[in-house]
Amino acid sequence: MKSKKLSEKILRLIKSNGFNNIELDKVLETKYILQRSGENFRKYLFSFYNTDGVELALTPDLSISSILQYAKSNKNSKEKVFYTGNAFRKSYSKKNVVINQIGIEIFSSKNENKDDKEIIDTSLKILRSSGFKKARIRIGNFKLFKLLIQKLPVVNRWQNRLIKFYWNKKYFSQLLKRLESNLELDSFVVSADHKIYLKMKKDNPNKIIAGRSYKEILERYENKLKYPRLLNSGKYSAKIIKEFLKIKTTLKDAPKTLNKFFKKYNLNIYVGKEFFPVLNLNKKNYKFEFSTSNGRGKEIEYYNSFNFSIDVNLKNKIKTYISGGRYNDLSSKNLGLKKIPACGAAVDLGIYE
């Protein structure tokens, strides 16, 4: 009952801030979900086939539904929307598979910093209206990690790999171990790979193995030969990445801390206020922190720059109540649609259950 009354209160607040209500589809074609998250995400889906043989799934993420709806409308103008509903995601570590959410989104941003600030400002209003007098607001920015990787002495294919799997903590850790150990430069391994390469060159280039054509595999191998990784650069780069991902400071000190780090390794990166649309916020009893690892390790992540999460203490347990950020690349890179600048946040009403 409390969550229902609270939900109504939050929705009134959101409407008063100029967000318009939209109704979302309850099911999606799985191609939209798997294009973004890959086959590894299939294990989380409640999926089925319709009479036409099209695979559908209960919506596992409401942001996908909202941006698909906006894309289908063929609009180009800025739009502020909100929605409420359930996302359905299997979980082997939690009892609840139904995620009860209220979401806010801003599509087709013209001024990204302004809209990012509006999203977090609205989130803080929701936080206050929910009765939380204390909270921790964690801020991150994926763009900083991307800039770091592009400055390191790492070949292009490794840069792309590290950027792509930044959010997947477990696999990213494995990548770092390979990077610092120079495992793929082992002479015996290289020799064996080259024999396989020569054999594949004589075969049909359109032949498929593990979802890839021989042609694609050969081109990737030839790229490795053309741009070999230097023996000492991997260990050096891995050291810097590990140190970067441990940075945690107050939001106020974030630019100074980051610039000191980049100067230490002569990386020629300068961090200004544009990376922090909420840098000057000063709210009593709200603790603002910056972390280079904010949001990593979740099942689904797609932020391309600014991101945040708001943690509260409920029944002596720390829970994430609101989270969000900017995801400009979701529609184009992951859903195969036109690029739609977008930012948003979701309120997890499930913390009361």
Protein backbone atom coordinates (compact mmCIF):
# COMPACT_ATOMS: atom_id res chain seq x y z
CA MET A 1 0.00 0.00 0.00
CA LYS A 2 2.84 2.39 0.88
CA SER A 3 4.56 1.84 -2.46
CA LYS A 4 1.28 2.52 -4.30
CA LYS A 5 0.74 5.86 -2.53
CA LEU A 6 4.39 6.75 -3.02
CA SER A 7 4.16 5.85 -6.70
CA GLU A 8 1.20 8.21 -7.14
CA LYS A 9 3.11 10.98 -5.36
CA ILE A 10 6.18 10.50 -7.56
CA LEU A 11 4.10 10.48 -10.73
CA ARG A 12 2.46 13.80 -9.77
CA LEU A 13 5.89 15.31 -9.17
CA ILE A 14 7.20 14.06 -12.53
CA LYS A 15 4.16 15.45 -14.39
CA SER A 16 4.64 18.84 -12.71
CA ASN A 17 8.18 18.90 -14.12
CA GLY A 18 6.94 18.68 -17.71
CA PHE A 19 7.31 14.95 -18.43
CA ASN A 20 4.52 13.35 -20.50
CA ASN A 21 3.14 9.88 -19.83
CA ILE A 22 3.59 7.06 -22.38
CA GLU A 23 2.29 3.48 -22.40
CA LEU A 24 4.90 0.82 -23.18
CA ASP A 25 4.56 -2.55 -24.90
CA LYS A 26 4.66 -5.53 -22.56
CA VAL A 27 6.60 -7.71 -25.04
CA LEU A 28 9.43 -7.10 -27.52
CA GLU A 29 11.02 -9.03 -30.34
CA THR A 30 14.09 -10.67 -28.84
CA LYS A 31 16.24 -9.39 -31.73
CA TYR A 32 16.17 -5.91 -30.18
CA ILE A 33 17.37 -7.24 -26.83
CA LEU A 34 20.01 -9.64 -28.14
CA GLN A 35 21.40 -7.11 -30.62
CA ARG A 36 22.28 -4.98 -27.65
CA SER A 37 23.35 -7.52 -25.08
CA GLY A 38 24.35 -10.55 -27.14
CA GLU A 39 23.38 -14.18 -26.71
CA ASN A 40 24.78 -14.19 -23.16
CA PHE A 41 21.74 -12.18 -22.09
CA ARG A 42 19.29 -14.79 -23.38
CA LYS A 43 19.46 -16.68 -20.07
CA TYR A 44 17.72 -13.75 -18.37
CA LEU A 45 14.75 -13.64 -20.78
CA PHE A 46 11.22 -14.96 -20.47
CA SER A 47 10.80 -15.69 -24.19
CA PHE A 48 8.34 -17.50 -26.48
CA TYR A 49 7.36 -17.74 -30.17
CA ASN A 50 4.17 -16.36 -31.71
CA THR A 51 2.14 -18.11 -34.42
CA ASP A 52 4.31 -16.51 -37.13
CA GLY A 53 7.47 -18.00 -35.63
CA VAL A 54 8.76 -14.66 -34.33
CA GLU A 55 10.57 -14.91 -31.00
CA LEU A 56 9.19 -12.52 -28.39
CA ALA A 57 10.11 -11.82 -24.78
CA LEU A 58 8.57 -10.09 -21.80
CA THR A 59 10.22 -6.68 -21.59
CA PRO A 60 13.45 -7.05 -19.55
CA ASP A 61 14.31 -3.35 -19.69
CA LEU A 62 11.88 -0.44 -20.00
CA SER A 63 14.40 1.98 -21.53
CA ILE A 64 14.56 -0.23 -24.63
CA SER A 65 10.77 -0.11 -24.98
CA SER A 66 10.64 3.66 -24.57
CA ILE A 67 13.36 4.44 -27.09
CA LEU A 68 11.90 1.97 -29.60
CA GLN A 69 8.55 3.71 -29.28
CA TYR A 70 10.15 7.13 -29.82
CA ALA A 71 12.13 5.85 -32.83
CA LYS A 72 8.99 4.45 -34.47
CA SER A 73 7.30 7.84 -34.14
CA ASN A 74 9.96 9.34 -36.47
CA LYS A 75 10.19 12.44 -34.28
CA ASN A 76 13.32 14.58 -34.18
CA SER A 77 12.27 17.14 -31.61
CA LYS A 78 13.19 17.00 -27.94
CA GLU A 79 10.71 15.01 -25.88
CA LYS A 80 10.40 14.43 -22.12
CA VAL A 81 8.51 11.28 -21.20
CA PHE A 82 7.78 9.08 -18.21
CA TYR A 83 6.35 5.62 -17.75
CA THR A 84 5.55 3.13 -15.03
CA GLY A 85 5.47 -0.63 -15.27
CA ASN A 86 7.25 -3.93 -14.78
CA ALA A 87 10.37 -5.35 -16.36
CA PHE A 88 10.82 -9.12 -16.28
CA ARG A 89 14.27 -10.62 -15.87
CA LYS A 90 15.31 -14.06 -14.63
CA SER A 91 17.79 -14.01 -11.79
CA TYR A 92 19.73 -16.77 -10.08
CA SER A 93 20.81 -14.62 -7.15
CA LYS A 94 17.56 -12.81 -6.28
CA LYS A 95 14.05 -14.00 -5.49
CA ASN A 96 12.24 -11.26 -7.39
CA VAL A 97 12.18 -11.48 -11.18
CA VAL A 98 9.66 -8.66 -11.63
CA ILE A 99 11.23 -5.19 -11.48
CA ASN A 100 8.66 -2.50 -10.60
CA GLN A 101 9.87 0.82 -12.04
CA ILE A 102 9.04 4.41 -12.77
CA GLY A 103 11.20 5.83 -15.53
CA ILE A 104 11.92 9.28 -16.96
CA GLU A 105 13.64 9.92 -20.29
CA ILE A 106 14.68 12.91 -22.40
CA PHE A 107 15.06 12.13 -26.12
CA SER A 108 16.82 14.15 -28.84
CA SER A 109 18.82 16.35 -26.47
CA LYS A 110 20.16 19.57 -27.94
CA ASN A 111 22.08 20.55 -24.81
CA GLU A 112 23.31 17.32 -23.21
CA ASN A 113 24.73 18.82 -20.02
CA LYS A 114 21.51 20.72 -19.38
CA ASP A 115 19.36 17.63 -19.90
CA ASP A 116 21.68 15.41 -17.83
CA LYS A 117 21.37 17.92 -14.99
CA GLU A 118 17.57 17.96 -15.35
CA ILE A 119 17.46 14.17 -15.04
CA ILE A 120 19.49 14.12 -11.85
CA ASP A 121 17.71 17.19 -10.45
CA THR A 122 14.36 15.45 -10.98
CA SER A 123 15.79 12.29 -9.42
CA LEU A 124 16.80 14.25 -6.32
CA LYS A 125 13.29 15.75 -6.09
CA ILE A 126 11.90 12.21 -6.23
CA LEU A 127 14.36 11.19 -3.51
CA ARG A 128 13.23 14.01 -1.21
CA SER A 129 9.53 13.41 -1.88
CA SER A 130 10.08 9.75 -0.96
CA GLY A 131 11.08 10.80 2.54
CA PHE A 132 14.80 9.97 2.43
CA LYS A 133 16.70 12.61 4.38
CA LYS A 134 20.07 10.97 3.77
CA ALA A 135 21.51 9.39 0.63
CA ARG A 136 24.70 8.70 -1.27
CA ILE A 137 24.81 9.89 -4.87
CA ARG A 138 27.53 8.17 -6.89
CA ILE A 139 28.60 9.80 -10.16
CA GLY A 140 30.60 8.26 -13.01
CA ASN A 141 31.50 9.09 -16.60
CA PHE A 142 32.30 6.33 -19.09
CA LYS A 143 33.78 8.88 -21.50
CA LEU A 144 36.77 9.31 -19.16
CA PHE A 145 37.57 5.59 -19.35
CA LYS A 146 37.30 5.68 -23.14
CA LEU A 147 39.69 8.65 -23.33
CA LEU A 148 42.16 6.80 -21.10
CA ILE A 149 42.17 3.67 -23.25
CA GLN A 150 42.67 5.67 -26.45
CA LYS A 151 45.79 7.28 -24.94
CA LEU A 152 47.46 4.03 -23.87
CA PRO A 153 50.06 2.19 -26.01
CA VAL A 154 47.57 -0.55 -26.86
CA VAL A 155 46.72 -1.65 -30.41
CA ASN A 156 43.31 -0.76 -31.82
CA ARG A 157 41.73 -4.22 -31.48
CA TRP A 158 42.63 -4.30 -27.77
CA GLN A 159 41.32 -0.77 -27.24
CA ASN A 160 37.97 -1.79 -28.76
CA ARG A 161 37.88 -4.94 -26.65
CA LEU A 162 38.54 -3.12 -23.36
CA ILE A 163 35.97 -0.41 -24.14
CA LYS A 164 33.33 -2.93 -25.17
CA PHE A 165 33.64 -5.07 -22.02
CA TYR A 166 34.19 -2.29 -19.47
CA TRP A 167 30.81 -3.00 -17.81
CA ASN A 168 31.39 -6.77 -17.54
CA LYS A 169 33.69 -6.89 -14.50
CA LYS A 170 34.40 -10.62 -14.64
CA TYR A 171 35.35 -10.81 -18.32
CA PHE A 172 37.14 -7.44 -18.16
CA SER A 173 39.34 -8.82 -15.38
CA GLN A 174 40.27 -11.76 -17.62
CA LEU A 175 41.14 -9.36 -20.43
CA LEU A 176 43.47 -7.40 -18.14
CA LYS A 177 45.26 -10.59 -17.10
CA ARG A 178 45.81 -11.49 -20.77
CA LEU A 179 46.96 -7.95 -21.50
CA GLU A 180 49.54 -7.81 -18.71
CA SER A 181 50.83 -11.37 -19.24
CA ASN A 182 51.21 -11.05 -23.04
CA LEU A 183 49.66 -14.52 -23.23
CA GLU A 184 48.78 -14.30 -26.90
CA LEU A 185 52.42 -13.52 -27.75
CA ASP A 186 53.66 -16.92 -26.59
CA SER A 187 55.87 -18.28 -29.40
CA PHE A 188 54.35 -21.77 -29.28
CA VAL A 189 50.82 -20.40 -29.45
CA VAL A 190 51.74 -18.04 -32.31
CA SER A 191 53.34 -20.91 -34.23
CA ALA A 192 50.28 -23.13 -33.81
CA ASP A 193 47.92 -20.30 -34.79
CA HIS A 194 49.91 -19.65 -37.96
CA LYS A 195 49.62 -23.28 -39.05
CA ILE A 196 45.86 -23.12 -38.61
CA TYR A 197 45.83 -19.82 -40.52
CA LEU A 198 47.65 -21.33 -43.51
CA LYS A 199 45.25 -24.28 -43.55
CA MET A 200 42.16 -22.03 -43.41
CA LYS A 201 43.51 -19.90 -46.27
CA LYS A 202 43.06 -22.88 -48.57
CA ASP A 203 39.47 -23.51 -47.49
CA ASN A 204 36.14 -21.89 -48.47
CA PRO A 205 36.17 -18.28 -47.09
CA ASN A 206 32.39 -18.39 -46.53
CA LYS A 207 32.58 -21.43 -44.26
CA ILE A 208 31.16 -20.69 -40.79
CA ILE A 209 32.72 -21.69 -37.47
CA ALA A 210 31.48 -20.50 -34.05
CA GLY A 211 29.24 -17.94 -35.75
CA ARG A 212 32.02 -16.37 -37.83
CA SER A 213 33.09 -16.89 -41.42
CA TYR A 214 36.60 -18.07 -42.27
CA LYS A 215 37.06 -14.74 -44.08
CA GLU A 216 36.34 -12.74 -40.91
CA ILE A 217 38.63 -14.94 -38.78
CA LEU A 218 41.46 -14.66 -41.29
CA GLU A 219 41.12 -10.87 -41.49
CA ARG A 220 41.28 -10.60 -37.69
CA TYR A 221 44.42 -12.76 -37.60
CA GLU A 222 46.07 -10.75 -40.39
CA ASN A 223 45.31 -7.58 -38.45
CA LYS A 224 47.15 -9.05 -35.45
CA LEU A 225 50.18 -9.73 -37.67
CA LYS A 226 50.06 -6.22 -39.08
CA TYR A 227 49.71 -4.51 -35.70
CA PRO A 228 51.44 -6.71 -33.10
CA ARG A 229 51.22 -5.80 -29.43
CA LEU A 230 54.52 -4.69 -27.91
CA LEU A 231 55.88 -7.03 -25.22
CA ASN A 232 56.16 -4.44 -22.45
CA SER A 233 53.18 -2.22 -23.26
CA GLY A 234 50.55 -4.68 -22.04
CA LYS A 235 51.81 -4.86 -18.47
CA TYR A 236 52.29 -1.08 -18.33
CA SER A 237 48.80 -0.36 -19.69
CA ALA A 238 47.12 -2.89 -17.38
CA LYS A 239 48.79 -1.22 -14.37
CA ILE A 240 47.40 2.19 -15.36
CA ILE A 241 43.90 0.82 -16.03
CA LYS A 242 43.77 -0.94 -12.64
CA GLU A 243 44.88 2.23 -10.85
CA PHE A 244 42.33 4.32 -12.77
CA LEU A 245 39.44 2.01 -11.87
CA LYS A 246 40.24 2.41 -8.16
CA ILE A 247 39.76 6.19 -8.19
CA LYS A 248 37.07 7.23 -5.74
CA THR A 249 36.72 10.73 -4.35
CA THR A 250 34.26 13.46 -3.45
CA LEU A 251 32.49 14.95 -6.45
CA LYS A 252 33.98 18.35 -5.63
CA ASP A 253 37.55 17.00 -5.80
CA ALA A 254 36.98 14.76 -8.85
CA PRO A 255 38.49 17.08 -11.54
CA LYS A 256 41.62 17.73 -9.45
CA THR A 257 42.09 14.04 -8.60
CA LEU A 258 41.63 12.91 -12.20
CA ASN A 259 43.90 15.59 -13.66
CA LYS A 260 46.62 14.65 -11.16
CA PHE A 261 46.32 11.00 -12.25
CA PHE A 262 46.48 11.80 -15.98
CA LYS A 263 49.45 14.14 -15.45
CA LYS A 264 51.28 11.42 -13.49
CA TYR A 265 51.29 9.20 -16.59
CA ASN A 266 51.69 12.02 -19.17
CA LEU A 267 48.42 11.08 -20.87
CA ASN A 268 47.55 14.60 -22.10
CA ILE A 269 43.94 14.48 -20.86
CA TYR A 270 42.33 17.41 -19.08
CA VAL A 271 39.12 17.01 -17.11
CA GLY A 272 36.88 20.08 -16.93
CA LYS A 273 33.42 20.81 -15.55
CA GLU A 274 31.75 19.54 -18.73
CA PHE A 275 32.22 15.98 -17.45
CA PHE A 276 30.14 16.76 -14.36
CA PRO A 277 26.74 18.36 -14.99
CA VAL A 278 26.07 18.16 -11.24
CA LEU A 279 29.46 19.28 -9.95
CA ASN A 280 28.17 22.29 -8.01
CA LEU A 281 25.28 20.58 -6.23
CA ASN A 282 25.36 21.07 -2.49
CA LYS A 283 22.50 19.29 -0.72
CA LYS A 284 22.46 18.88 3.04
CA ASN A 285 22.81 15.23 4.18
CA TYR A 286 23.30 14.04 0.60
CA LYS A 287 26.79 12.71 0.01
CA PHE A 288 28.06 13.18 -3.56
CA GLU A 289 30.88 10.86 -4.65
CA PHE A 290 32.72 10.25 -7.89
CA SER A 291 33.89 6.77 -8.90
CA THR A 292 35.53 5.61 -12.13
CA SER A 293 33.82 2.23 -11.64
CA ASN A 294 30.28 3.40 -10.97
CA GLY A 295 27.70 0.99 -12.39
CA ARG A 296 30.11 -1.75 -13.43
CA GLY A 297 29.09 -5.37 -12.89
CA LYS A 298 25.35 -5.09 -13.59
CA GLU A 299 23.54 -7.41 -16.00
CA ILE A 300 22.68 -4.60 -18.43
CA GLU A 301 24.64 -1.42 -19.00
CA TYR A 302 24.75 0.92 -21.96
CA TYR A 303 25.82 4.36 -20.75
CA ASN A 304 28.22 6.17 -23.05
CA SER A 305 29.16 9.06 -20.73
CA PHE A 306 27.59 10.52 -17.57
CA ASN A 307 25.93 8.02 -15.21
CA PHE A 308 24.77 7.99 -11.60
CA SER A 309 23.15 5.91 -8.87
CA ILE A 310 21.43 6.97 -5.66
CA ASP A 311 21.75 4.69 -2.63
CA VAL A 312 19.54 4.86 0.45
CA ASN A 313 19.39 3.09 3.80
CA LEU A 314 16.15 1.16 4.12
CA LYS A 315 15.59 -1.19 7.05
CA ASN A 316 19.33 -1.12 7.83
CA LYS A 317 20.22 -2.19 4.27
CA ILE A 318 21.88 -0.05 1.59
CA LYS A 319 19.83 -0.21 -1.60
CA THR A 320 20.03 1.52 -4.97
CA TYR A 321 16.80 3.51 -5.29
CA ILE A 322 17.39 5.53 -8.47
CA SER A 323 19.95 5.10 -11.25
CA GLY A 324 20.44 6.56 -14.70
CA GLY A 325 22.66 8.39 -17.15
CA ARG A 326 23.21 9.18 -20.82
CA TYR A 327 22.95 6.50 -23.51
CA ASN A 328 23.32 8.14 -26.93
CA ASP A 329 24.51 4.94 -28.62
CA LEU A 330 21.72 2.59 -27.55
CA SER A 331 19.44 3.19 -30.53
CA SER A 332 22.09 3.12 -33.27
CA LYS A 333 24.78 0.70 -32.15
CA ASN A 334 22.61 -1.73 -30.25
CA LEU A 335 19.16 -1.56 -31.81
CA GLY A 336 20.11 -0.84 -35.42
CA LEU A 337 18.03 2.36 -35.56
CA LYS A 338 18.89 6.02 -36.14
CA LYS A 339 21.02 7.68 -33.47
CA ILE A 340 18.89 9.27 -30.75
CA PRO A 341 20.64 11.35 -28.07
CA ALA A 342 18.99 10.25 -24.83
CA CYS A 343 19.32 10.31 -21.07
CA GLY A 344 17.11 9.00 -18.31
CA ALA A 345 16.67 7.46 -14.90
CA ALA A 346 14.67 4.68 -13.27
CA VAL A 347 13.15 4.52 -9.81
CA ASP A 348 13.18 1.02 -8.32
CA LEU A 349 9.98 0.71 -6.29
CA GLY A 350 10.92 -2.90 -5.55
CA ILE A 351 13.17 -1.82 -2.68
CA TYR A 352 10.05 -1.52 -0.51
CA GLU A 353 9.01 -5.12 -1.11
